[in-house]
Amino acid sequence: MSKTIKELADEMGVPKNKVNYQLSKIDAQSVSKFVKIKHGVKYLEKPIQQMIADNMRLKLSDQRSFKNDEFERVINHLEEQSEAKDQQIKELHRLLDQSQQLQLMTEKKLQALKESQRAPESDTESRDDLAPETSIPSVGRSEKPKSFWQRLFSTRK
């Protein structure tokens, strides 16, 4: 059964120009014997199709082995990169955990400091409640009311 160059190329999964190139490499006597031209279209008979396929298989198998080696090399490289990224992620998680622990300790210390400052304030407020006349400024004066710290550290007369 004869096939055109395009049909053979489609069947083999290669471009037409590769089939034409392989056809040009075959000796002229075989080509004239097994290639028929009808209305400007080359029809390839079974023996020439087989020769082209054999030549293409050899080259395709060489290319495949090269591609397989290249793919293996790329895969190994990507696996190494993946392992390095995993290590970086582990390190970042560890650092993030440390940072969160330090932040928590800082917040606890700040909270304890605030609570310790509130305790003396509540003591001074109870003292102010005992002596309300000293903490309330007189209405008749045009002075600003004293701040908490001014009242706390002012010398009593």
Protein backbone atom coordinates (compact mmCIF):
# COMPACT_ATOMS: atom_id res chain seq x y z
CA MET A 1 0.00 0.00 0.00
CA SER A 2 1.53 3.33 -1.01
CA LYS A 3 1.45 6.40 1.17
CA THR A 4 2.29 10.01 0.60
CA ILE A 5 5.16 11.64 2.44
CA LYS A 6 2.68 13.53 4.63
CA GLU A 7 0.77 10.37 5.55
CA LEU A 8 4.00 8.57 6.48
CA ALA A 9 5.20 11.58 8.49
CA ASP A 10 1.89 11.78 10.35
CA GLU A 11 2.00 8.05 11.06
CA MET A 12 5.53 8.29 12.46
CA GLY A 13 4.85 11.52 14.32
CA VAL A 14 7.61 13.51 12.65
CA PRO A 15 7.60 16.54 10.31
CA LYS A 16 7.44 16.06 6.54
CA ASN A 17 10.88 17.56 6.02
CA LYS A 18 12.46 14.76 8.10
CA VAL A 19 10.83 12.13 5.88
CA ASN A 20 12.01 14.06 2.78
CA TYR A 21 15.53 14.21 4.20
CA GLN A 22 15.58 10.46 4.85
CA LEU A 23 14.26 9.88 1.33
CA SER A 24 17.08 11.98 -0.11
CA LYS A 25 19.66 9.88 1.78
CA ILE A 26 18.45 6.64 0.15
CA ASP A 27 20.20 5.70 -3.09
CA ALA A 28 18.63 6.91 -6.31
CA GLN A 29 18.07 3.43 -7.73
CA SER A 30 15.82 2.38 -4.83
CA VAL A 31 14.00 5.70 -4.90
CA SER A 32 13.25 5.44 -8.62
CA LYS A 33 12.08 1.87 -8.12
CA PHE A 34 9.76 2.38 -5.10
CA VAL A 35 8.62 6.02 -5.37
CA LYS A 36 5.83 6.83 -7.83
CA ILE A 37 4.83 10.38 -8.71
CA LYS A 38 1.19 10.95 -9.67
CA HIS A 39 -0.05 14.49 -10.32
CA GLY A 40 3.01 15.96 -8.59
CA VAL A 41 2.51 13.91 -5.38
CA LYS A 42 5.13 11.35 -4.32
CA TYR A 43 3.71 7.98 -3.30
CA LEU A 44 6.04 5.77 -1.29
CA GLU A 45 5.67 2.01 -1.59
CA LYS A 46 6.12 -0.42 1.28
CA PRO A 47 9.88 -1.20 0.92
CA ILE A 48 10.89 2.48 0.83
CA GLN A 49 8.57 3.21 3.74
CA GLN A 50 10.35 0.48 5.68
CA MET A 51 13.81 1.93 4.84
CA ILE A 52 12.78 5.39 5.98
CA ALA A 53 11.20 4.00 9.15
CA ASP A 54 14.35 2.00 9.96
CA ASN A 55 16.56 5.07 9.49
CA MET A 56 14.18 7.19 11.58
CA ARG A 57 14.00 4.58 14.37
CA LEU A 58 17.76 4.53 14.68
CA LYS A 59 17.93 8.29 14.93
CA LEU A 60 14.85 8.51 17.13
CA SER A 61 16.20 5.87 19.52
CA ASP A 62 19.51 7.78 19.75
CA GLN A 63 17.62 10.99 20.46
CA ARG A 64 15.45 9.22 23.02
CA SER A 65 18.45 7.82 24.87
CA PHE A 66 20.00 11.30 24.87
CA LYS A 67 16.73 12.78 26.10
CA ASN A 68 16.43 10.10 28.79
CA ASP A 69 19.92 10.89 30.05
CA GLU A 70 19.13 14.58 30.01
CA PHE A 71 15.82 13.99 31.80
CA GLU A 72 17.54 11.92 34.46
CA ARG A 73 20.11 14.65 34.99
CA VAL A 74 17.39 17.30 35.25
CA ILE A 75 15.36 15.12 37.62
CA ASN A 76 18.37 14.59 39.88
CA HIS A 77 19.06 18.32 39.89
CA LEU A 78 15.44 19.09 40.76
CA GLU A 79 15.47 16.51 43.56
CA GLU A 80 18.59 18.14 45.01
CA GLN A 81 16.93 21.54 44.82
CA SER A 82 13.83 20.15 46.47
CA GLU A 83 15.87 18.73 49.35
CA ALA A 84 17.65 22.07 49.80
CA LYS A 85 14.32 23.90 49.82
CA ASP A 86 12.97 21.44 52.41
CA GLN A 87 15.96 22.19 54.65
CA GLN A 88 15.43 25.92 54.22
CA ILE A 89 11.75 25.56 55.10
CA LYS A 90 12.59 23.56 58.24
CA GLU A 91 15.09 26.22 59.30
CA LEU A 92 12.56 28.99 58.68
CA HIS A 93 9.93 27.15 60.73
CA ARG A 94 12.41 26.79 63.58
CA LEU A 95 13.30 30.47 63.45
CA LEU A 96 9.63 31.46 63.28
CA ASP A 97 8.90 29.31 66.34
CA GLN A 98 11.75 30.95 68.25
CA SER A 99 10.54 34.38 67.25
CA GLN A 100 7.03 33.61 68.42
CA GLN A 101 8.32 32.30 71.75
CA LEU A 102 10.40 35.45 72.27
CA GLN A 103 7.42 37.63 71.38
CA LEU A 104 5.26 35.76 73.89
CA MET A 105 7.87 36.16 76.63
CA THR A 106 8.14 39.88 75.87
CA GLU A 107 4.39 40.31 76.02
CA LYS A 108 4.24 38.46 79.37
CA LYS A 109 6.96 40.67 80.81
CA LEU A 110 5.21 43.79 79.54
CA GLN A 111 1.93 42.63 81.03
CA ALA A 112 3.60 41.93 84.38
CA LEU A 113 5.21 45.37 84.30
CA LYS A 114 1.87 47.02 83.58
CA GLU A 115 0.23 45.12 86.43
CA SER A 116 2.99 46.11 88.82
CA GLN A 117 2.52 49.76 87.83
CA ARG A 118 -1.24 49.54 88.34
CA ALA A 119 -0.84 48.27 91.90
CA PRO A 120 0.86 51.46 93.19
CA GLU A 121 -1.68 53.57 91.32
CA SER A 122 -4.55 51.85 93.07
CA ASP A 123 -2.82 52.47 96.43
CA THR A 124 -2.49 56.20 95.72
CA GLU A 125 -6.09 56.37 94.52
CA SER A 126 -7.25 54.93 97.85
CA ARG A 127 -5.19 57.59 99.62
CA ASP A 128 -6.85 60.24 97.44
CA ASP A 129 -10.23 58.90 98.42
CA LEU A 130 -9.34 59.36 102.06
CA ALA A 131 -8.43 63.02 101.57
CA PRO A 132 -10.78 64.32 98.86
CA GLU A 133 -10.22 67.98 99.70
CA THR A 134 -6.59 67.85 98.63
CA SER A 135 -7.32 66.25 95.26
CA ILE A 136 -10.17 68.54 94.21
CA PRO A 137 -9.04 71.99 93.19
CA SER A 138 -11.06 74.91 94.47
CA VAL A 139 -13.64 76.27 92.10
CA GLY A 140 -12.78 79.87 92.82
CA ARG A 141 -9.22 79.62 91.60
CA SER A 142 -8.28 79.85 87.93
CA GLU A 143 -5.40 77.42 88.26
CA LYS A 144 -5.18 74.26 86.22
CA PRO A 145 -5.87 71.15 88.17
CA LYS A 146 -2.73 69.33 89.20
CA SER A 147 -1.83 66.15 87.40
CA PHE A 148 -1.60 62.84 89.18
CA TRP A 149 2.20 62.99 89.37
CA GLN A 150 2.18 66.58 90.60
CA ARG A 151 -0.25 65.62 93.31
CA LEU A 152 1.75 62.54 94.20
CA PHE A 153 5.12 64.24 94.49
CA SER A 154 4.07 67.70 95.63
CA THR A 155 5.18 68.80 99.06
CA ARG A 156 2.25 69.01 101.36
CA LYS A 157 1.82 72.24 103.26
